């Protein structure tokens, strides 16, 4: 694919989300095995990152701009796009379920960790499938069907300040939060 700013941003954000989800998965598997982990605040911060950045910023931009432009240019992807939009909504519901399972774990202790692990594992699989459809189907189709004008808009939208609360400090906070997650992962998971 030709290097487009919007594609570079989307791919970087996909990779960051994959890293955070991998961190969640690793964290829960260590907890379940009785091994040392950072406090649950780190896991909660990972959930917060996903809710505030990919769920409130990245996915809505895909829906509103990338998918909308593709729908204007071709109907060949209508079913795929409808499924991805539905998955964006499902992702939010899955996060709420993970948060609920985390609260149960905090209240009940070790007996509740297996249910939390299952939800995190399922979320990781769900997201991996979602990401691969976007990267292997949607982005190549976008390169084929979108116009220079479409790309100009997408480059501007995805290249703009992606701070969901409209302030540069929070963007820095998200970067520091992401760096903290990466620091908790072993080298093999990066």
N, C-alpha and C. Protein backbone atom coordinates (compact mmCIF):
# COMPACT_ATOMS: atom_id res chain seq x y z
N UNK A 1 0.84 -1.18 0.00
CA UNK A 1 0.00 0.00 0.00
C UNK A 1 0.88 1.24 0.00
N UNK A 2 0.46 2.22 -0.77
CA UNK A 2 1.15 3.50 -0.79
C UNK A 2 1.04 4.12 0.60
N UNK A 3 2.13 4.71 1.07
CA UNK A 3 2.12 5.31 2.40
C UNK A 3 1.23 6.55 2.40
N UNK A 4 0.16 6.50 3.11
CA UNK A 4 -0.75 7.61 3.33
C UNK A 4 -0.70 7.93 4.81
N UNK A 5 -0.74 9.21 5.14
CA UNK A 5 -0.71 9.60 6.54
C UNK A 5 -1.82 8.92 7.32
N UNK A 6 -3.04 8.92 6.81
CA UNK A 6 -4.17 8.31 7.52
C UNK A 6 -3.92 6.83 7.77
N UNK A 7 -3.38 6.13 6.79
CA UNK A 7 -3.11 4.70 6.97
C UNK A 7 -2.02 4.49 8.01
N UNK A 8 -0.99 5.31 7.97
CA UNK A 8 0.08 5.19 8.96
C UNK A 8 -0.47 5.40 10.37
N UNK A 9 -1.35 6.40 10.54
CA UNK A 9 -1.94 6.68 11.85
C UNK A 9 -2.80 5.49 12.29
N UNK A 10 -3.66 5.00 11.40
CA UNK A 10 -4.53 3.88 11.75
C UNK A 10 -3.72 2.64 12.12
N UNK A 11 -2.69 2.36 11.35
CA UNK A 11 -1.86 1.18 11.63
C UNK A 11 -1.14 1.34 12.98
N UNK A 12 -0.62 2.52 13.25
CA UNK A 12 0.05 2.77 14.53
C UNK A 12 -0.95 2.60 15.68
N UNK A 13 -2.15 3.15 15.53
CA UNK A 13 -3.15 3.02 16.58
C UNK A 13 -3.60 1.58 16.75
N UNK A 14 -3.71 0.84 15.66
CA UNK A 14 -4.02 -0.59 15.76
C UNK A 14 -2.93 -1.31 16.56
N UNK A 15 -1.68 -1.00 16.25
CA UNK A 15 -0.57 -1.65 16.95
C UNK A 15 -0.58 -1.28 18.43
N UNK A 16 -0.85 -0.02 18.76
CA UNK A 16 -0.90 0.38 20.16
C UNK A 16 -2.01 -0.37 20.89
N UNK A 17 -3.18 -0.47 20.28
CA UNK A 17 -4.29 -1.17 20.91
C UNK A 17 -3.94 -2.65 21.06
N UNK A 18 -3.31 -3.24 20.08
CA UNK A 18 -2.89 -4.64 20.18
C UNK A 18 -1.93 -4.82 21.35
N UNK A 19 -1.01 -3.88 21.53
CA UNK A 19 -0.06 -3.95 22.63
C UNK A 19 -0.76 -3.87 23.98
N UNK A 20 -1.73 -2.96 24.09
CA UNK A 20 -2.46 -2.82 25.35
C UNK A 20 -3.27 -4.09 25.64
N UNK A 21 -3.93 -4.63 24.62
CA UNK A 21 -4.72 -5.86 24.81
C UNK A 21 -3.79 -7.01 25.18
N UNK A 22 -2.63 -7.09 24.55
CA UNK A 22 -1.66 -8.11 24.90
C UNK A 22 -1.22 -7.95 26.36
N UNK A 23 -1.06 -6.71 26.78
CA UNK A 23 -0.70 -6.44 28.17
C UNK A 23 -1.79 -6.88 29.13
N UNK A 24 -3.05 -6.62 28.78
CA UNK A 24 -4.17 -7.07 29.61
C UNK A 24 -4.17 -8.59 29.72
N UNK A 25 -4.00 -9.23 28.58
CA UNK A 25 -4.00 -10.68 28.53
C UNK A 25 -2.87 -11.25 29.38
N UNK A 26 -1.69 -10.71 29.21
CA UNK A 26 -0.52 -11.16 29.97
C UNK A 26 -0.74 -10.95 31.47
N UNK A 27 -1.25 -9.79 31.82
CA UNK A 27 -1.51 -9.43 33.21
C UNK A 27 -2.44 -10.46 33.87
N UNK A 28 -3.55 -10.75 33.20
CA UNK A 28 -4.54 -11.67 33.77
C UNK A 28 -4.00 -13.09 33.85
N UNK A 29 -3.24 -13.51 32.83
CA UNK A 29 -2.67 -14.86 32.87
C UNK A 29 -1.65 -14.99 34.01
N UNK A 30 -0.88 -13.94 34.25
CA UNK A 30 0.05 -13.97 35.39
C UNK A 30 -0.71 -14.03 36.71
N UNK A 31 -1.75 -13.23 36.82
CA UNK A 31 -2.57 -13.23 38.05
C UNK A 31 -3.16 -14.61 38.29
N UNK A 32 -3.69 -15.19 37.23
CA UNK A 32 -4.33 -16.50 37.37
C UNK A 32 -3.31 -17.56 37.80
N UNK A 33 -2.08 -17.41 37.35
CA UNK A 33 -1.02 -18.35 37.71
C UNK A 33 -0.43 -18.06 39.09
N UNK A 34 -0.94 -17.01 39.75
CA UNK A 34 -0.44 -16.66 41.08
C UNK A 34 0.89 -15.94 41.07
N UNK A 35 1.27 -15.41 39.92
CA UNK A 35 2.56 -14.72 39.81
C UNK A 35 2.38 -13.23 40.11
N UNK A 36 3.48 -12.58 40.40
CA UNK A 36 3.46 -11.16 40.73
C UNK A 36 3.09 -10.32 39.51
N UNK A 37 2.27 -9.33 39.75
CA UNK A 37 1.90 -8.36 38.71
C UNK A 37 1.86 -6.99 39.35
N UNK A 38 1.88 -5.95 38.52
CA UNK A 38 1.62 -4.63 39.08
C UNK A 38 0.21 -4.64 39.68
N UNK A 39 -0.13 -3.63 40.44
CA UNK A 39 -1.46 -3.54 41.04
C UNK A 39 -2.56 -3.49 39.98
N UNK A 40 -3.78 -3.77 40.41
CA UNK A 40 -4.92 -3.76 39.50
C UNK A 40 -5.16 -2.40 38.87
N UNK A 41 -4.59 -1.36 39.45
CA UNK A 41 -4.72 -0.03 38.85
C UNK A 41 -4.13 -0.01 37.43
N UNK A 42 -3.08 -0.79 37.20
CA UNK A 42 -2.49 -0.85 35.86
C UNK A 42 -3.48 -1.48 34.89
N UNK A 43 -4.15 -2.55 35.31
CA UNK A 43 -5.15 -3.18 34.46
C UNK A 43 -6.31 -2.21 34.20
N UNK A 44 -6.74 -1.52 35.24
CA UNK A 44 -7.81 -0.52 35.07
C UNK A 44 -7.37 0.59 34.11
N UNK A 45 -6.12 0.98 34.18
CA UNK A 45 -5.60 2.01 33.28
C UNK A 45 -5.63 1.53 31.83
N UNK A 46 -5.37 0.24 31.62
CA UNK A 46 -5.44 -0.32 30.28
C UNK A 46 -6.88 -0.24 29.75
N UNK A 47 -7.83 -0.59 30.59
CA UNK A 47 -9.25 -0.49 30.19
C UNK A 47 -9.62 0.96 29.90
N UNK A 48 -9.14 1.85 30.74
CA UNK A 48 -9.40 3.28 30.54
C UNK A 48 -8.84 3.74 29.19
N UNK A 49 -7.62 3.35 28.90
CA UNK A 49 -6.99 3.72 27.63
C UNK A 49 -7.85 3.27 26.46
N UNK A 50 -8.30 2.01 26.50
CA UNK A 50 -9.10 1.49 25.39
C UNK A 50 -10.42 2.24 25.27
N UNK A 51 -11.06 2.50 26.39
CA UNK A 51 -12.35 3.19 26.36
C UNK A 51 -12.20 4.63 25.85
N UNK A 52 -11.18 5.32 26.31
CA UNK A 52 -11.05 6.74 25.99
C UNK A 52 -10.38 7.03 24.66
N UNK A 53 -9.56 6.14 24.18
CA UNK A 53 -8.84 6.44 22.94
C UNK A 53 -9.40 5.66 21.75
N UNK A 54 -9.22 4.36 21.67
CA UNK A 54 -9.79 3.65 20.51
C UNK A 54 -11.30 3.73 20.44
N UNK A 55 -11.99 3.56 21.56
CA UNK A 55 -13.46 3.52 21.52
C UNK A 55 -14.09 4.88 21.27
N UNK A 56 -13.48 5.95 21.77
CA UNK A 56 -14.09 7.29 21.62
C UNK A 56 -13.49 8.12 20.49
N UNK A 57 -12.31 7.74 20.03
CA UNK A 57 -11.64 8.55 19.01
C UNK A 57 -11.41 7.75 17.72
N UNK A 58 -10.66 6.67 17.82
CA UNK A 58 -10.25 5.91 16.63
C UNK A 58 -11.45 5.30 15.89
N UNK A 59 -12.25 4.53 16.58
CA UNK A 59 -13.37 3.85 15.92
C UNK A 59 -14.40 4.82 15.36
N UNK A 60 -14.79 5.87 16.09
CA UNK A 60 -15.73 6.82 15.48
C UNK A 60 -15.18 7.48 14.20
N UNK A 61 -13.89 7.73 14.15
CA UNK A 61 -13.31 8.30 12.93
C UNK A 61 -13.34 7.31 11.79
N UNK A 62 -13.09 6.05 12.08
CA UNK A 62 -13.20 5.04 11.02
C UNK A 62 -14.63 5.02 10.49
N UNK A 63 -15.61 4.97 11.40
CA UNK A 63 -17.01 4.92 10.99
C UNK A 63 -17.41 6.14 10.17
N UNK A 64 -17.10 7.32 10.72
CA UNK A 64 -17.58 8.57 10.13
C UNK A 64 -16.86 8.97 8.84
N UNK A 65 -15.59 8.63 8.74
CA UNK A 65 -14.82 9.09 7.58
C UNK A 65 -14.42 7.96 6.64
N UNK A 66 -13.64 7.01 7.12
CA UNK A 66 -13.14 5.96 6.24
C UNK A 66 -14.28 5.13 5.66
N UNK A 67 -15.12 4.59 6.54
CA UNK A 67 -16.20 3.72 6.06
C UNK A 67 -17.21 4.50 5.23
N UNK A 68 -17.50 5.73 5.64
CA UNK A 68 -18.46 6.55 4.88
C UNK A 68 -17.95 6.82 3.47
N UNK A 69 -16.68 7.15 3.33
CA UNK A 69 -16.14 7.42 1.99
C UNK A 69 -16.14 6.15 1.15
N UNK A 70 -15.81 5.02 1.75
CA UNK A 70 -15.85 3.76 1.00
C UNK A 70 -17.26 3.44 0.53
N UNK A 71 -18.24 3.69 1.38
CA UNK A 71 -19.64 3.44 0.99
C UNK A 71 -20.06 4.35 -0.17
N UNK A 72 -19.50 5.55 -0.23
CA UNK A 72 -19.81 6.46 -1.34
C UNK A 72 -19.20 5.97 -2.65
N UNK A 73 -18.07 5.28 -2.58
CA UNK A 73 -17.33 4.89 -3.77
C UNK A 73 -17.68 3.50 -4.31
N UNK A 74 -18.14 2.61 -3.41
CA UNK A 74 -18.46 1.24 -3.84
C UNK A 74 -19.45 0.61 -2.87
N UNK A 75 -20.24 -0.31 -3.40
CA UNK A 75 -21.14 -1.08 -2.54
C UNK A 75 -20.61 -2.50 -2.33
N UNK A 76 -19.45 -2.78 -2.88
CA UNK A 76 -18.84 -4.10 -2.74
C UNK A 76 -18.51 -4.44 -1.28
N UNK A 77 -18.35 -3.42 -0.45
CA UNK A 77 -17.91 -3.63 0.93
C UNK A 77 -19.01 -3.37 1.95
N UNK A 78 -20.24 -3.17 1.48
CA UNK A 78 -21.32 -2.79 2.40
C UNK A 78 -21.47 -3.78 3.55
N UNK A 79 -21.45 -5.07 3.27
CA UNK A 79 -21.62 -6.07 4.33
C UNK A 79 -20.43 -6.07 5.29
N UNK A 80 -19.25 -5.96 4.75
CA UNK A 80 -18.05 -5.95 5.59
C UNK A 80 -18.06 -4.72 6.48
N UNK A 81 -18.38 -3.57 5.91
CA UNK A 81 -18.42 -2.33 6.69
C UNK A 81 -19.50 -2.41 7.76
N UNK A 82 -20.67 -2.91 7.42
CA UNK A 82 -21.75 -3.05 8.41
C UNK A 82 -21.29 -3.94 9.57
N UNK A 83 -20.58 -5.01 9.25
CA UNK A 83 -20.08 -5.90 10.30
C UNK A 83 -19.06 -5.18 11.19
N UNK A 84 -18.17 -4.39 10.58
CA UNK A 84 -17.15 -3.67 11.36
C UNK A 84 -17.79 -2.61 12.25
N UNK A 85 -18.77 -1.89 11.73
CA UNK A 85 -19.47 -0.89 12.55
C UNK A 85 -20.15 -1.58 13.73
N UNK A 86 -20.78 -2.71 13.47
CA UNK A 86 -21.41 -3.48 14.55
C UNK A 86 -20.36 -3.93 15.57
N UNK A 87 -19.21 -4.35 15.09
CA UNK A 87 -18.14 -4.77 16.00
C UNK A 87 -17.63 -3.61 16.84
N UNK A 88 -17.62 -2.39 16.30
CA UNK A 88 -17.23 -1.24 17.11
C UNK A 88 -18.17 -1.11 18.31
N UNK A 89 -19.46 -1.28 18.09
CA UNK A 89 -20.43 -1.23 19.19
C UNK A 89 -20.24 -2.41 20.13
N UNK A 90 -19.97 -3.58 19.58
CA UNK A 90 -19.74 -4.77 20.40
C UNK A 90 -18.49 -4.61 21.27
N UNK A 91 -17.49 -3.94 20.74
CA UNK A 91 -16.25 -3.73 21.50
C UNK A 91 -16.53 -2.97 22.78
N UNK A 92 -17.37 -1.95 22.71
CA UNK A 92 -17.72 -1.18 23.90
C UNK A 92 -18.45 -2.06 24.91
N UNK A 93 -19.38 -2.87 24.44
CA UNK A 93 -20.12 -3.77 25.34
C UNK A 93 -19.17 -4.79 25.97
N UNK A 94 -18.24 -5.30 25.18
CA UNK A 94 -17.27 -6.27 25.71
C UNK A 94 -16.39 -5.63 26.79
N UNK A 95 -16.03 -4.38 26.59
CA UNK A 95 -15.24 -3.67 27.61
C UNK A 95 -16.02 -3.54 28.91
N UNK A 96 -17.30 -3.20 28.81
CA UNK A 96 -18.13 -3.11 30.01
C UNK A 96 -18.18 -4.46 30.73
N UNK A 97 -18.29 -5.54 29.97
CA UNK A 97 -18.30 -6.87 30.58
C UNK A 97 -16.99 -7.18 31.28
N UNK A 98 -15.88 -6.78 30.68
CA UNK A 98 -14.58 -6.99 31.32
C UNK A 98 -14.51 -6.16 32.60
N UNK A 99 -14.97 -4.93 32.55
CA UNK A 99 -14.96 -4.09 33.75
C UNK A 99 -15.80 -4.71 34.86
N UNK A 100 -16.98 -5.25 34.50
CA UNK A 100 -17.82 -5.92 35.49
C UNK A 100 -17.13 -7.14 36.07
N UNK A 101 -16.48 -7.92 35.22
CA UNK A 101 -15.76 -9.11 35.68
C UNK A 101 -14.59 -8.72 36.58
N UNK A 102 -13.96 -7.59 36.28
CA UNK A 102 -12.87 -7.11 37.13
C UNK A 102 -13.39 -6.75 38.52
N UNK A 103 -14.53 -6.09 38.59
CA UNK A 103 -15.13 -5.76 39.88
C UNK A 103 -15.45 -7.05 40.65
N UNK A 104 -16.02 -8.03 39.96
CA UNK A 104 -16.30 -9.31 40.62
C UNK A 104 -15.01 -9.93 41.16
N UNK A 105 -13.95 -9.86 40.38
CA UNK A 105 -12.66 -10.39 40.83
C UNK A 105 -12.16 -9.63 42.07
N UNK A 106 -12.30 -8.33 42.04
CA UNK A 106 -11.86 -7.53 43.19
C UNK A 106 -12.66 -7.89 44.44
N UNK A 107 -13.93 -8.20 44.27
CA UNK A 107 -14.79 -8.52 45.41
C UNK A 107 -14.65 -9.98 45.86
N UNK A 108 -14.52 -10.90 44.90
CA UNK A 108 -14.53 -12.32 45.22
C UNK A 108 -13.14 -12.95 45.30
N UNK A 109 -12.16 -12.29 44.69
CA UNK A 109 -10.81 -12.84 44.72
C UNK A 109 -10.58 -13.93 43.69
N UNK A 110 -9.61 -14.81 43.95
CA UNK A 110 -9.19 -15.83 42.97
C UNK A 110 -10.31 -16.64 42.31
N UNK A 111 -11.40 -16.99 42.98
CA UNK A 111 -12.42 -17.77 42.28
C UNK A 111 -13.01 -17.07 41.04
N UNK A 112 -12.91 -15.76 40.99
CA UNK A 112 -13.50 -15.01 39.87
C UNK A 112 -12.51 -14.71 38.75
N UNK A 113 -11.24 -15.10 38.91
CA UNK A 113 -10.24 -14.75 37.89
C UNK A 113 -10.46 -15.50 36.58
N UNK A 114 -10.93 -16.73 36.63
CA UNK A 114 -11.12 -17.51 35.39
C UNK A 114 -12.13 -16.83 34.47
N UNK A 115 -13.21 -16.31 35.03
CA UNK A 115 -14.22 -15.64 34.20
C UNK A 115 -13.63 -14.37 33.57
N UNK A 116 -12.83 -13.65 34.33
CA UNK A 116 -12.17 -12.45 33.81
C UNK A 116 -11.21 -12.83 32.69
N UNK A 117 -10.43 -13.89 32.90
CA UNK A 117 -9.48 -14.33 31.86
C UNK A 117 -10.21 -14.69 30.57
N UNK A 118 -11.32 -15.41 30.69
CA UNK A 118 -12.08 -15.79 29.50
C UNK A 118 -12.52 -14.55 28.73
N UNK A 119 -13.02 -13.56 29.44
CA UNK A 119 -13.47 -12.34 28.76
C UNK A 119 -12.32 -11.60 28.09
N UNK A 120 -11.19 -11.53 28.74
CA UNK A 120 -10.03 -10.86 28.15
C UNK A 120 -9.52 -11.65 26.94
N UNK A 121 -9.46 -12.98 27.06
CA UNK A 121 -9.04 -13.81 25.92
C UNK A 121 -9.99 -13.63 24.73
N UNK A 122 -11.29 -13.63 25.02
CA UNK A 122 -12.28 -13.46 23.95
C UNK A 122 -12.16 -12.07 23.32
N UNK A 123 -11.91 -11.05 24.14
CA UNK A 123 -11.75 -9.70 23.60
C UNK A 123 -10.51 -9.64 22.71
N UNK A 124 -9.44 -10.28 23.14
CA UNK A 124 -8.21 -10.29 22.33
C UNK A 124 -8.46 -10.95 20.98
N UNK A 125 -9.15 -12.08 20.95
CA UNK A 125 -9.47 -12.77 19.69
C UNK A 125 -10.40 -11.93 18.84
N UNK A 126 -11.41 -11.36 19.48
CA UNK A 126 -12.38 -10.50 18.80
C UNK A 126 -11.65 -9.34 18.11
N UNK A 127 -10.78 -8.66 18.86
CA UNK A 127 -10.08 -7.52 18.29
C UNK A 127 -9.10 -7.94 17.19
N UNK A 128 -8.41 -9.06 17.37
CA UNK A 128 -7.46 -9.50 16.34
C UNK A 128 -8.18 -9.74 15.02
N UNK A 129 -9.34 -10.37 15.08
CA UNK A 129 -10.12 -10.61 13.86
C UNK A 129 -10.55 -9.27 13.26
N UNK A 130 -11.05 -8.38 14.08
CA UNK A 130 -11.51 -7.07 13.63
C UNK A 130 -10.36 -6.31 12.94
N UNK A 131 -9.22 -6.29 13.59
CA UNK A 131 -8.06 -5.59 13.04
C UNK A 131 -7.65 -6.19 11.70
N UNK A 132 -7.62 -7.51 11.61
CA UNK A 132 -7.18 -8.11 10.35
C UNK A 132 -8.15 -7.81 9.21
N UNK A 133 -9.44 -7.74 9.47
CA UNK A 133 -10.40 -7.37 8.42
C UNK A 133 -10.14 -5.94 7.97
N UNK A 134 -9.93 -5.05 8.92
CA UNK A 134 -9.65 -3.66 8.53
C UNK A 134 -8.37 -3.55 7.72
N UNK A 135 -7.33 -4.25 8.14
CA UNK A 135 -6.03 -4.11 7.48
C UNK A 135 -5.91 -4.91 6.20
N UNK A 136 -6.59 -6.03 6.12
CA UNK A 136 -6.45 -6.89 4.94
C UNK A 136 -7.55 -6.69 3.90
N UNK A 137 -8.68 -6.11 4.30
CA UNK A 137 -9.79 -5.90 3.37
C UNK A 137 -10.05 -4.41 3.16
N UNK A 138 -10.29 -3.70 4.25
CA UNK A 138 -10.72 -2.30 4.15
C UNK A 138 -9.61 -1.37 3.64
N UNK A 139 -8.44 -1.45 4.22
CA UNK A 139 -7.38 -0.52 3.78
C UNK A 139 -6.94 -0.76 2.33
N UNK A 140 -6.78 -2.00 1.88
CA UNK A 140 -6.49 -2.18 0.45
C UNK A 140 -7.63 -1.68 -0.45
N UNK A 141 -8.88 -1.88 -0.02
CA UNK A 141 -10.01 -1.37 -0.80
C UNK A 141 -9.99 0.16 -0.82
N UNK A 142 -9.64 0.76 0.30
CA UNK A 142 -9.56 2.22 0.34
C UNK A 142 -8.51 2.72 -0.65
N UNK A 143 -7.39 2.04 -0.73
CA UNK A 143 -6.35 2.44 -1.70
C UNK A 143 -6.88 2.33 -3.13
N UNK A 144 -7.74 1.38 -3.36
CA UNK A 144 -8.28 1.15 -4.70
C UNK A 144 -9.39 2.15 -5.05
N UNK A 145 -10.29 2.42 -4.12
CA UNK A 145 -11.50 3.16 -4.45
C UNK A 145 -11.49 4.65 -4.08
N UNK A 146 -10.75 5.04 -3.08
CA UNK A 146 -10.85 6.43 -2.62
C UNK A 146 -10.09 7.38 -3.54
N UNK A 147 -10.62 8.58 -3.61
CA UNK A 147 -10.05 9.61 -4.47
C UNK A 147 -9.00 10.42 -3.72
N UNK A 148 -8.28 11.25 -4.46
CA UNK A 148 -7.30 12.14 -3.84
C UNK A 148 -7.97 13.06 -2.83
N UNK A 149 -9.16 13.52 -3.15
CA UNK A 149 -9.90 14.37 -2.23
C UNK A 149 -10.27 13.61 -0.96
N UNK A 150 -10.69 12.36 -1.11
CA UNK A 150 -11.01 11.53 0.06
C UNK A 150 -9.77 11.39 0.94
N UNK A 151 -8.63 11.11 0.31
CA UNK A 151 -7.41 10.91 1.08
C UNK A 151 -6.97 12.20 1.76
N UNK A 152 -7.16 13.30 1.11
CA UNK A 152 -6.82 14.58 1.73
C UNK A 152 -7.61 14.77 3.03
N UNK A 153 -8.92 14.47 2.96
CA UNK A 153 -9.77 14.57 4.16
C UNK A 153 -9.32 13.58 5.23
N UNK A 154 -9.11 12.32 4.83
CA UNK A 154 -8.71 11.30 5.80
C UNK A 154 -7.35 11.61 6.44
N UNK A 155 -6.41 12.08 5.62
CA UNK A 155 -5.10 12.44 6.17
C UNK A 155 -5.23 13.55 7.20
N UNK A 156 -6.09 14.52 6.91
CA UNK A 156 -6.30 15.63 7.85
C UNK A 156 -6.98 15.15 9.13
N UNK A 157 -8.03 14.37 8.97
CA UNK A 157 -8.80 13.90 10.13
C UNK A 157 -7.96 13.00 11.03
N UNK A 158 -7.29 12.02 10.44
CA UNK A 158 -6.51 11.09 11.25
C UNK A 158 -5.18 11.68 11.69
N UNK A 159 -4.69 12.66 10.98
CA UNK A 159 -3.43 13.29 11.35
C UNK A 159 -3.57 14.41 12.35
N UNK A 160 -4.81 14.84 12.61
CA UNK A 160 -5.06 15.94 13.54
C UNK A 160 -4.83 15.49 14.97
N UNK A 161 -4.83 16.45 15.86
CA UNK A 161 -4.73 16.15 17.29
C UNK A 161 -5.85 15.18 17.64
N UNK A 162 -5.49 14.01 18.11
CA UNK A 162 -6.48 12.97 18.38
C UNK A 162 -6.92 12.96 19.82
N UNK A 163 -6.66 14.01 20.52
CA UNK A 163 -7.02 14.11 21.93
C UNK A 163 -8.53 14.14 22.10
N UNK A 164 -9.12 13.15 22.76
CA UNK A 164 -10.56 13.11 22.90
C UNK A 164 -11.13 14.21 23.79
N UNK A 165 -10.28 14.86 24.59
CA UNK A 165 -10.76 15.92 25.46
C UNK A 165 -10.25 17.29 25.03
N UNK A 166 -9.73 17.35 23.81
CA UNK A 166 -9.35 18.61 23.19
C UNK A 166 -8.29 19.39 23.95
N UNK A 167 -7.27 18.71 24.37
CA UNK A 167 -6.16 19.38 25.04
C UNK A 167 -4.88 18.61 24.86
N UNK A 168 -3.81 19.30 24.67
CA UNK A 168 -2.54 18.63 24.40
C UNK A 168 -2.04 17.85 25.60
N UNK A 169 -2.34 18.31 26.82
CA UNK A 169 -1.84 17.62 28.00
C UNK A 169 -2.36 16.18 28.05
N UNK A 170 -3.63 15.97 27.73
CA UNK A 170 -4.17 14.63 27.79
C UNK A 170 -3.53 13.73 26.74
N UNK A 171 -3.23 14.28 25.58
CA UNK A 171 -2.53 13.49 24.55
C UNK A 171 -1.20 13.00 25.13
N UNK A 172 -0.49 13.87 25.84
CA UNK A 172 0.75 13.47 26.50
C UNK A 172 0.47 12.41 27.57
N UNK A 173 -0.65 12.57 28.30
CA UNK A 173 -1.02 11.59 29.32
C UNK A 173 -1.26 10.23 28.69
N UNK A 174 -1.94 10.18 27.54
CA UNK A 174 -2.18 8.91 26.87
C UNK A 174 -0.86 8.29 26.44
N UNK A 175 0.07 9.11 25.95
CA UNK A 175 1.37 8.59 25.55
C UNK A 175 2.10 8.00 26.75
N UNK A 176 2.07 8.70 27.90
CA UNK A 176 2.72 8.18 29.10
C UNK A 176 2.04 6.91 29.59
N UNK A 177 0.71 6.89 29.54
CA UNK A 177 -0.05 5.71 29.93
C UNK A 177 0.34 4.52 29.06
N UNK A 178 0.42 4.74 27.75
CA UNK A 178 0.82 3.67 26.84
C UNK A 178 2.24 3.20 27.17
N UNK A 179 3.15 4.13 27.41
CA UNK A 179 4.52 3.76 27.75
C UNK A 179 4.56 2.92 29.03
N UNK A 180 3.70 3.25 30.00
CA UNK A 180 3.64 2.48 31.24
C UNK A 180 3.21 1.04 30.95
N UNK A 181 2.22 0.86 30.06
CA UNK A 181 1.76 -0.49 29.73
C UNK A 181 2.89 -1.29 29.10
N UNK A 182 3.57 -0.66 28.15
CA UNK A 182 4.64 -1.36 27.44
C UNK A 182 5.73 -1.77 28.43
N UNK A 183 6.00 -0.93 29.41
CA UNK A 183 7.03 -1.25 30.40
C UNK A 183 6.65 -2.45 31.25
N UNK A 184 5.36 -2.76 31.38
CA UNK A 184 4.94 -3.92 32.20
C UNK A 184 4.99 -5.22 31.43
N UNK A 185 5.20 -5.15 30.10
CA UNK A 185 5.19 -6.36 29.29
C UNK A 185 6.60 -6.94 29.17
N UNK A 186 6.68 -8.26 29.16
CA UNK A 186 7.99 -8.85 28.88
C UNK A 186 8.35 -8.62 27.41
N UNK A 187 9.63 -8.68 27.12
CA UNK A 187 10.11 -8.42 25.76
C UNK A 187 9.38 -9.25 24.70
N UNK A 188 9.07 -10.51 25.01
CA UNK A 188 8.46 -11.40 24.03
C UNK A 188 7.08 -10.93 23.57
N UNK A 189 6.40 -10.13 24.36
CA UNK A 189 5.05 -9.69 24.01
C UNK A 189 5.01 -8.33 23.35
N UNK A 190 6.14 -7.73 23.10
CA UNK A 190 6.15 -6.39 22.50
C UNK A 190 6.20 -6.47 20.99
